């Protein structure tokens, strides 16, 4: 069993702004302010996670987190909570083993 823990940073422009709509400078400035706040919060979380043995790697729109000994969603939620962080800020998905996917034991 394994677990994937992701810290979302931002989405594609079409999701951050309404895709296909007319965009004005004010909307970009609001998005810039929102992104600054979101990324500063993510940076604070990463600093806490790094100090307790979590490793990171960059994905397309988020950061993937791993920590030795954290193999389940329950363990990830517990370890993150011990740091005073909310697991609600993260996407935590238990990986499905190959045998479970195909129905073989």
N, C-alpha and C. Protein backbone atom coordinates (compact mmCIF):
# COMPACT_ATOMS: atom_id res chain seq x y z
N UNK A 1 0.86 -1.18 0.00
CA UNK A 1 0.00 0.00 0.00
C UNK A 1 0.89 1.23 0.00
N UNK A 2 0.41 2.29 -0.54
CA UNK A 2 1.12 3.55 -0.55
C UNK A 2 0.12 4.68 -0.50
N UNK A 3 0.64 5.87 -0.41
CA UNK A 3 -0.23 7.04 -0.35
C UNK A 3 0.41 8.17 -1.16
N UNK A 4 -0.40 8.94 -1.84
CA UNK A 4 0.05 10.11 -2.57
C UNK A 4 -0.50 11.34 -1.86
N UNK A 5 0.40 12.24 -1.50
CA UNK A 5 0.01 13.48 -0.83
C UNK A 5 0.43 14.64 -1.72
N UNK A 6 -0.52 15.49 -2.08
CA UNK A 6 -0.25 16.62 -2.97
C UNK A 6 -0.65 17.94 -2.30
N UNK A 7 0.19 18.93 -2.47
CA UNK A 7 -0.10 20.29 -2.02
C UNK A 7 -0.41 21.12 -3.27
N UNK A 8 -1.67 21.42 -3.52
CA UNK A 8 -2.03 22.21 -4.70
C UNK A 8 -1.47 23.62 -4.60
N UNK A 9 -0.93 24.10 -5.71
CA UNK A 9 -0.40 25.47 -5.75
C UNK A 9 -1.32 26.39 -6.55
N UNK A 10 -1.64 25.99 -7.75
CA UNK A 10 -2.50 26.78 -8.62
C UNK A 10 -3.02 25.86 -9.71
N UNK A 11 -3.98 26.34 -10.44
CA UNK A 11 -4.56 25.55 -11.52
C UNK A 11 -4.20 26.15 -12.87
N UNK A 12 -4.65 25.52 -13.93
CA UNK A 12 -4.42 26.09 -15.25
C UNK A 12 -5.15 27.43 -15.37
N UNK A 13 -4.69 28.34 -16.21
CA UNK A 13 -5.32 29.65 -16.33
C UNK A 13 -6.82 29.58 -16.61
N UNK A 14 -7.24 28.61 -17.41
CA UNK A 14 -8.66 28.48 -17.70
C UNK A 14 -9.51 28.15 -16.49
N UNK A 15 -8.88 27.56 -15.48
CA UNK A 15 -9.61 27.26 -14.25
C UNK A 15 -9.48 28.41 -13.26
N UNK A 16 -8.29 29.02 -13.20
CA UNK A 16 -8.08 30.14 -12.28
C UNK A 16 -8.92 31.35 -12.69
N UNK A 17 -9.03 31.53 -13.99
CA UNK A 17 -9.88 32.58 -14.55
C UNK A 17 -10.95 31.82 -15.35
N UNK A 18 -12.07 32.41 -15.59
CA UNK A 18 -13.12 31.70 -16.31
C UNK A 18 -12.74 31.57 -17.78
N UNK A 19 -12.46 30.32 -18.18
CA UNK A 19 -12.02 30.06 -19.56
C UNK A 19 -13.05 30.56 -20.56
N UNK A 20 -12.56 31.24 -21.59
CA UNK A 20 -13.41 31.74 -22.66
C UNK A 20 -14.03 33.09 -22.37
N UNK A 21 -13.87 33.58 -21.15
CA UNK A 21 -14.48 34.88 -20.82
C UNK A 21 -13.51 36.02 -21.13
N UNK A 22 -14.07 37.21 -21.23
CA UNK A 22 -13.26 38.41 -21.40
C UNK A 22 -12.57 38.69 -20.07
N UNK A 23 -11.30 38.99 -20.12
CA UNK A 23 -10.56 39.22 -18.87
C UNK A 23 -10.04 40.66 -18.85
N UNK A 24 -10.10 41.24 -17.69
CA UNK A 24 -9.65 42.62 -17.48
C UNK A 24 -8.46 42.62 -16.52
N UNK A 25 -7.78 43.73 -16.49
CA UNK A 25 -6.64 43.88 -15.59
C UNK A 25 -6.99 43.65 -14.14
N UNK A 26 -8.16 44.09 -13.73
CA UNK A 26 -8.57 43.94 -12.34
C UNK A 26 -8.66 42.46 -11.94
N UNK A 27 -9.09 41.61 -12.87
CA UNK A 27 -9.19 40.18 -12.57
C UNK A 27 -7.80 39.57 -12.41
N UNK A 28 -6.85 40.00 -13.24
CA UNK A 28 -5.47 39.50 -13.10
C UNK A 28 -4.85 39.96 -11.80
N UNK A 29 -5.12 41.22 -11.41
CA UNK A 29 -4.58 41.72 -10.14
C UNK A 29 -5.17 40.95 -8.95
N UNK A 30 -6.46 40.63 -9.01
CA UNK A 30 -7.07 39.84 -7.94
C UNK A 30 -6.47 38.45 -7.89
N UNK A 31 -6.28 37.83 -9.05
CA UNK A 31 -5.66 36.51 -9.09
C UNK A 31 -4.24 36.58 -8.56
N UNK A 32 -3.50 37.62 -8.90
CA UNK A 32 -2.13 37.78 -8.41
C UNK A 32 -2.11 37.86 -6.88
N UNK A 33 -3.03 38.61 -6.31
CA UNK A 33 -3.10 38.72 -4.85
C UNK A 33 -3.49 37.39 -4.22
N UNK A 34 -4.46 36.70 -4.82
CA UNK A 34 -4.87 35.39 -4.32
C UNK A 34 -3.71 34.39 -4.39
N UNK A 35 -3.00 34.39 -5.52
CA UNK A 35 -1.87 33.47 -5.67
C UNK A 35 -0.75 33.77 -4.68
N UNK A 36 -0.49 35.05 -4.44
CA UNK A 36 0.55 35.41 -3.48
C UNK A 36 0.19 34.87 -2.10
N UNK A 37 -1.05 35.06 -1.69
CA UNK A 37 -1.49 34.55 -0.39
C UNK A 37 -1.41 33.02 -0.35
N UNK A 38 -1.89 32.38 -1.38
CA UNK A 38 -1.91 30.91 -1.45
C UNK A 38 -0.50 30.34 -1.44
N UNK A 39 0.41 30.93 -2.21
CA UNK A 39 1.78 30.42 -2.29
C UNK A 39 2.56 30.69 -1.00
N UNK A 40 2.31 31.82 -0.35
CA UNK A 40 2.95 32.07 0.95
C UNK A 40 2.50 31.05 1.98
N UNK A 41 1.22 30.72 1.99
CA UNK A 41 0.70 29.71 2.90
C UNK A 41 1.32 28.35 2.59
N UNK A 42 1.43 28.02 1.31
CA UNK A 42 2.04 26.76 0.90
C UNK A 42 3.51 26.71 1.32
N UNK A 43 4.22 27.82 1.20
CA UNK A 43 5.62 27.88 1.60
C UNK A 43 5.77 27.64 3.10
N UNK A 44 4.88 28.21 3.89
CA UNK A 44 4.91 27.98 5.33
C UNK A 44 4.69 26.50 5.65
N UNK A 45 3.73 25.89 4.95
CA UNK A 45 3.46 24.46 5.17
C UNK A 45 4.68 23.63 4.79
N UNK A 46 5.28 23.94 3.65
CA UNK A 46 6.45 23.18 3.20
C UNK A 46 7.60 23.26 4.18
N UNK A 47 7.83 24.42 4.76
CA UNK A 47 8.91 24.55 5.74
C UNK A 47 8.68 23.63 6.93
N UNK A 48 7.45 23.58 7.42
CA UNK A 48 7.14 22.68 8.54
C UNK A 48 7.30 21.22 8.14
N UNK A 49 6.83 20.87 6.96
CA UNK A 49 6.92 19.49 6.49
C UNK A 49 8.38 19.06 6.28
N UNK A 50 9.19 19.93 5.70
CA UNK A 50 10.61 19.61 5.48
C UNK A 50 11.34 19.35 6.79
N UNK A 51 11.02 20.12 7.82
CA UNK A 51 11.73 19.95 9.09
C UNK A 51 11.43 18.63 9.77
N UNK A 52 10.37 17.95 9.33
CA UNK A 52 10.01 16.67 9.95
C UNK A 52 10.18 15.49 8.99
N UNK A 53 11.01 15.67 7.97
CA UNK A 53 11.38 14.54 7.13
C UNK A 53 10.58 14.32 5.87
N UNK A 54 9.67 15.22 5.53
CA UNK A 54 8.93 15.07 4.28
C UNK A 54 9.81 15.52 3.12
N UNK A 55 9.75 14.81 2.03
CA UNK A 55 10.45 15.16 0.79
C UNK A 55 9.42 15.69 -0.20
N UNK A 56 9.90 16.49 -1.14
CA UNK A 56 9.00 17.10 -2.11
C UNK A 56 9.52 16.95 -3.53
N UNK A 57 8.59 16.95 -4.45
CA UNK A 57 8.95 17.07 -5.87
C UNK A 57 7.83 17.82 -6.57
N UNK A 58 8.21 18.60 -7.54
CA UNK A 58 7.27 19.45 -8.24
C UNK A 58 6.54 18.66 -9.32
N UNK A 59 5.23 18.82 -9.36
CA UNK A 59 4.39 18.28 -10.42
C UNK A 59 3.87 19.48 -11.23
N UNK A 60 2.96 19.24 -12.13
CA UNK A 60 2.51 20.30 -13.02
C UNK A 60 1.88 21.49 -12.28
N UNK A 61 0.94 21.21 -11.37
CA UNK A 61 0.25 22.29 -10.68
C UNK A 61 0.33 22.17 -9.16
N UNK A 62 1.12 21.24 -8.67
CA UNK A 62 1.19 21.02 -7.23
C UNK A 62 2.54 20.46 -6.84
N UNK A 63 2.68 20.18 -5.57
CA UNK A 63 3.90 19.58 -5.03
C UNK A 63 3.51 18.23 -4.45
N UNK A 64 4.26 17.21 -4.79
CA UNK A 64 4.01 15.87 -4.27
C UNK A 64 4.91 15.67 -3.05
N UNK A 65 4.31 15.19 -1.97
CA UNK A 65 5.01 15.02 -0.70
C UNK A 65 5.13 13.55 -0.36
N UNK A 66 6.29 13.16 0.14
CA UNK A 66 6.48 11.79 0.62
C UNK A 66 7.26 11.83 1.92
N UNK A 67 7.05 10.80 2.73
CA UNK A 67 7.79 10.68 3.99
C UNK A 67 7.96 9.20 4.29
N UNK A 68 9.19 8.79 4.58
CA UNK A 68 9.40 7.39 4.95
C UNK A 68 8.50 7.00 6.12
N UNK A 69 7.89 5.83 6.02
CA UNK A 69 7.02 5.35 7.08
C UNK A 69 5.57 5.77 6.97
N UNK A 70 5.28 6.66 6.03
CA UNK A 70 3.89 7.09 5.82
C UNK A 70 3.38 6.34 4.59
N UNK A 71 2.56 5.31 4.85
CA UNK A 71 2.09 4.43 3.78
C UNK A 71 0.58 4.45 3.57
N UNK A 72 -0.17 5.08 4.48
CA UNK A 72 -1.62 5.11 4.36
C UNK A 72 -2.13 6.54 4.52
N UNK A 73 -3.35 6.75 4.09
CA UNK A 73 -3.98 8.07 4.24
C UNK A 73 -4.08 8.42 5.72
N UNK A 74 -4.43 7.44 6.53
CA UNK A 74 -4.56 7.67 7.97
C UNK A 74 -3.24 8.15 8.58
N UNK A 75 -2.14 7.51 8.19
CA UNK A 75 -0.82 7.91 8.70
C UNK A 75 -0.47 9.32 8.23
N UNK A 76 -0.77 9.63 6.98
CA UNK A 76 -0.48 10.96 6.45
C UNK A 76 -1.26 12.03 7.20
N UNK A 77 -2.55 11.79 7.40
CA UNK A 77 -3.40 12.75 8.12
C UNK A 77 -2.88 12.94 9.54
N UNK A 78 -2.48 11.86 10.19
CA UNK A 78 -1.98 11.94 11.56
C UNK A 78 -0.68 12.75 11.60
N UNK A 79 0.28 12.42 10.75
CA UNK A 79 1.57 13.12 10.76
C UNK A 79 1.41 14.61 10.44
N UNK A 80 0.55 14.91 9.50
CA UNK A 80 0.31 16.31 9.12
C UNK A 80 -0.36 17.04 10.28
N UNK A 81 -1.33 16.41 10.91
CA UNK A 81 -2.02 17.01 12.05
C UNK A 81 -1.10 17.27 13.22
N UNK A 82 -0.11 16.38 13.43
CA UNK A 82 0.86 16.56 14.52
C UNK A 82 1.65 17.85 14.36
N UNK A 83 1.73 18.35 13.13
CA UNK A 83 2.46 19.59 12.87
C UNK A 83 1.57 20.82 13.00
N UNK A 84 0.31 20.60 13.35
CA UNK A 84 -0.62 21.71 13.45
C UNK A 84 -1.12 22.18 12.10
N UNK A 85 -0.94 21.32 11.08
CA UNK A 85 -1.40 21.66 9.73
C UNK A 85 -2.71 20.93 9.47
N UNK A 86 -3.52 21.49 8.60
CA UNK A 86 -4.78 20.88 8.23
C UNK A 86 -4.59 20.00 7.00
N UNK A 87 -4.96 18.74 7.14
CA UNK A 87 -4.88 17.84 5.99
C UNK A 87 -5.91 18.22 4.92
N UNK A 88 -6.86 19.07 5.28
CA UNK A 88 -7.87 19.54 4.32
C UNK A 88 -7.23 20.42 3.24
N UNK A 89 -6.05 20.96 3.51
CA UNK A 89 -5.34 21.80 2.55
C UNK A 89 -4.64 20.97 1.48
N UNK A 90 -4.60 19.66 1.69
CA UNK A 90 -3.87 18.75 0.82
C UNK A 90 -4.82 17.78 0.13
N UNK A 91 -4.33 17.16 -0.92
CA UNK A 91 -5.05 16.07 -1.55
C UNK A 91 -4.30 14.81 -1.15
N UNK A 92 -5.00 13.91 -0.45
CA UNK A 92 -4.38 12.68 0.04
C UNK A 92 -5.16 11.50 -0.51
N UNK A 93 -4.46 10.67 -1.28
CA UNK A 93 -5.11 9.53 -1.94
C UNK A 93 -4.30 8.27 -1.67
N UNK A 94 -4.98 7.25 -1.18
CA UNK A 94 -4.30 5.96 -1.01
C UNK A 94 -4.14 5.32 -2.38
N UNK A 95 -2.92 4.84 -2.64
CA UNK A 95 -2.64 4.18 -3.91
C UNK A 95 -3.26 2.79 -3.90
N UNK A 96 -3.77 2.39 -5.02
CA UNK A 96 -4.36 1.06 -5.16
C UNK A 96 -3.29 0.13 -5.70
N UNK A 97 -3.11 -0.98 -5.03
CA UNK A 97 -2.11 -1.95 -5.47
C UNK A 97 -2.60 -2.62 -6.74
N UNK A 98 -1.65 -3.05 -7.56
CA UNK A 98 -1.93 -3.67 -8.84
C UNK A 98 -2.90 -4.83 -8.73
N UNK A 99 -2.72 -5.71 -7.74
CA UNK A 99 -3.58 -6.89 -7.60
C UNK A 99 -5.03 -6.47 -7.31
N UNK A 100 -5.20 -5.41 -6.53
CA UNK A 100 -6.54 -4.94 -6.19
C UNK A 100 -7.25 -4.41 -7.42
N UNK A 101 -6.51 -3.74 -8.31
CA UNK A 101 -7.10 -3.18 -9.52
C UNK A 101 -7.62 -4.26 -10.45
N UNK A 102 -6.84 -5.33 -10.59
CA UNK A 102 -7.20 -6.38 -11.54
C UNK A 102 -8.05 -7.47 -10.91
N UNK A 103 -8.20 -7.46 -9.61
CA UNK A 103 -8.99 -8.47 -8.93
C UNK A 103 -8.23 -9.74 -8.62
N UNK A 104 -6.91 -9.76 -8.87
CA UNK A 104 -6.10 -10.92 -8.57
C UNK A 104 -5.51 -10.80 -7.17
N UNK A 105 -5.37 -11.93 -6.52
CA UNK A 105 -4.80 -11.92 -5.17
C UNK A 105 -3.32 -12.13 -5.18
